[in-house]
């Protein structure tokens, strides 16, 4: 488990990056123990900001597995946008292969002192068609 830094030897960004890597491994495996280890006992996880969140570690594991993606059907990359205190903002890009689809993601994450997620709110959206995108 990644512990959030209490000194300057490990930056918060490094801790969040390690947590995201563990999240992706859990996503790849759909292993209940790996999923549960990411979250605090009292955590909440909202797939969208206006959804009723899954509550508690067991509720999150159950919700995840009921909505799981199959291994090998997607790829994901991410970028940490900002961290402050116990809060992190992560941008992600998910590509699904079956059926083909692309999504942009923003994760808002709040962590406990042990490095487990207390609050996970995901904002995901499909990219606009090229004709709907603003020109630069």
Protein backbone atom coordinates (compact mmCIF):
# COMPACT_ATOMS: atom_id res chain seq x y z
CA UNK A 1 0.00 0.00 0.00
CA UNK A 2 1.17 3.50 -0.78
CA UNK A 3 1.32 5.78 2.23
CA UNK A 4 0.97 9.50 1.68
CA UNK A 5 4.25 11.22 2.50
CA UNK A 6 4.84 12.71 5.92
CA UNK A 7 8.21 14.11 4.88
CA UNK A 8 9.73 15.53 1.71
CA UNK A 9 11.49 12.28 0.72
CA UNK A 10 8.50 11.28 -1.36
CA UNK A 11 6.29 13.84 -3.02
CA UNK A 12 2.54 13.70 -2.92
CA UNK A 13 2.59 13.42 -6.71
CA UNK A 14 4.68 10.24 -6.45
CA UNK A 15 2.24 8.79 -3.90
CA UNK A 16 -0.75 9.60 -6.10
CA UNK A 17 1.02 8.19 -9.17
CA UNK A 18 1.65 4.94 -7.26
CA UNK A 19 -2.01 4.83 -6.18
CA UNK A 20 -3.16 5.33 -9.79
CA UNK A 21 -0.85 2.50 -10.91
CA UNK A 22 -2.44 0.23 -8.28
CA UNK A 23 -5.90 1.33 -9.43
CA UNK A 24 -5.06 0.38 -13.03
CA UNK A 25 -3.74 -3.02 -11.89
CA UNK A 26 -6.98 -3.59 -9.97
CA UNK A 27 -8.96 -2.50 -13.05
CA UNK A 28 -6.96 -4.98 -15.17
CA UNK A 29 -7.52 -7.87 -12.77
CA UNK A 30 -10.91 -7.12 -11.21
CA UNK A 31 -9.45 -8.73 -8.09
CA UNK A 32 -11.68 -7.87 -5.11
CA UNK A 33 -8.74 -7.68 -2.68
CA UNK A 34 -6.79 -5.34 -4.98
CA UNK A 35 -9.85 -3.15 -5.45
CA UNK A 36 -10.62 -3.04 -1.75
CA UNK A 37 -7.04 -2.22 -0.79
CA UNK A 38 -7.32 1.08 -2.67
CA UNK A 39 -10.08 2.43 -0.45
CA UNK A 40 -10.68 3.39 3.17
CA UNK A 41 -13.35 1.40 5.05
CA UNK A 42 -15.65 4.44 4.95
CA UNK A 43 -14.84 5.61 1.42
CA UNK A 44 -17.34 6.71 -1.19
CA UNK A 45 -16.97 6.30 -4.97
CA UNK A 46 -19.11 8.17 -7.48
CA UNK A 47 -18.86 7.16 -11.13
CA UNK A 48 -20.31 10.57 -12.00
CA UNK A 49 -20.61 13.63 -9.76
CA UNK A 50 -24.40 13.41 -9.67
CA UNK A 51 -24.59 9.63 -9.10
CA UNK A 52 -25.40 8.10 -5.73
CA UNK A 53 -21.94 6.91 -4.65
CA UNK A 54 -20.98 3.40 -3.69
CA UNK A 55 -20.29 3.56 0.05
CA UNK A 56 -17.76 1.66 2.15
CA UNK A 57 -15.02 -0.63 0.93
CA UNK A 58 -17.39 -3.59 0.45
CA UNK A 59 -19.91 -1.41 -1.41
CA UNK A 60 -17.18 -0.09 -3.70
CA UNK A 61 -15.90 -3.58 -4.48
CA UNK A 62 -19.46 -4.79 -5.21
CA UNK A 63 -20.25 -1.77 -7.40
CA UNK A 64 -16.96 -2.08 -9.28
CA UNK A 65 -17.51 -5.78 -10.01
CA UNK A 66 -21.12 -5.21 -11.10
CA UNK A 67 -19.83 -2.61 -13.61
CA UNK A 68 -16.46 -4.15 -14.42
CA UNK A 69 -14.59 -3.78 -17.66
CA UNK A 70 -13.08 -6.94 -19.09
CA UNK A 71 -9.28 -7.15 -19.09
CA UNK A 72 -7.80 -6.41 -22.50
CA UNK A 73 -10.83 -4.45 -23.71
CA UNK A 74 -9.35 -1.06 -22.84
CA UNK A 75 -6.20 1.01 -22.43
CA UNK A 76 -5.70 3.90 -20.04
CA UNK A 77 -3.20 6.67 -19.55
CA UNK A 78 -3.23 9.44 -16.99
CA UNK A 79 -1.67 12.69 -15.87
CA UNK A 80 -1.70 14.15 -12.38
CA UNK A 81 -2.96 17.70 -12.77
CA UNK A 82 -2.62 18.92 -9.19
CA UNK A 83 -2.21 17.78 -5.61
CA UNK A 84 -2.65 19.67 -2.38
CA UNK A 85 -2.96 18.35 1.14
CA UNK A 86 -4.99 15.15 0.87
CA UNK A 87 -6.57 16.06 -2.48
CA UNK A 88 -5.53 15.09 -6.02
CA UNK A 89 -6.85 15.81 -9.50
CA UNK A 90 -6.03 13.25 -12.19
CA UNK A 91 -6.83 13.48 -15.89
CA UNK A 92 -7.25 10.21 -17.75
CA UNK A 93 -7.85 8.95 -21.24
CA UNK A 94 -9.56 5.61 -21.74
CA UNK A 95 -9.79 3.79 -25.06
CA UNK A 96 -12.14 0.82 -25.32
CA UNK A 97 -11.67 -1.70 -28.11
CA UNK A 98 -14.91 -3.67 -27.88
CA UNK A 99 -16.92 -1.73 -28.91
CA UNK A 100 -14.54 1.07 -29.91
CA UNK A 101 -14.99 4.17 -27.76
CA UNK A 102 -12.84 6.89 -26.23
CA UNK A 103 -13.45 8.77 -23.00
CA UNK A 104 -11.81 11.69 -21.24
CA UNK A 105 -11.77 11.44 -17.46
CA UNK A 106 -11.22 13.72 -14.50
CA UNK A 107 -10.81 12.07 -11.13
CA UNK A 108 -11.10 14.03 -7.90
CA UNK A 109 -9.48 12.00 -5.13
CA UNK A 110 -9.24 12.58 -1.38
CA UNK A 111 -6.92 10.34 0.66
CA UNK A 112 -6.60 9.29 4.28
CA UNK A 113 -3.18 9.46 6.03
CA UNK A 114 -2.49 5.80 5.13
CA UNK A 115 -2.83 6.54 1.40
CA UNK A 116 -6.23 4.92 0.90
CA UNK A 117 -8.84 6.82 -1.02
CA UNK A 118 -11.65 8.35 1.07
CA UNK A 119 -13.54 10.01 -1.78
CA UNK A 120 -13.39 9.17 -5.47
CA UNK A 121 -15.45 11.23 -7.90
CA UNK A 122 -15.10 10.53 -11.58
CA UNK A 123 -16.14 12.89 -14.34
CA UNK A 124 -16.05 11.04 -17.67
CA UNK A 125 -17.15 12.22 -21.04
CA UNK A 126 -17.03 11.11 -24.63
CA UNK A 127 -15.01 13.37 -26.91
CA UNK A 128 -17.00 15.52 -29.28
CA UNK A 129 -17.20 14.72 -32.95
CA UNK A 130 -14.56 16.68 -34.93
CA UNK A 131 -17.30 18.92 -36.35
CA UNK A 132 -18.30 19.93 -32.77
CA UNK A 133 -14.78 20.73 -31.53
CA UNK A 134 -13.58 24.30 -31.26
CA UNK A 135 -10.81 25.16 -33.68
CA UNK A 136 -7.55 26.50 -32.27
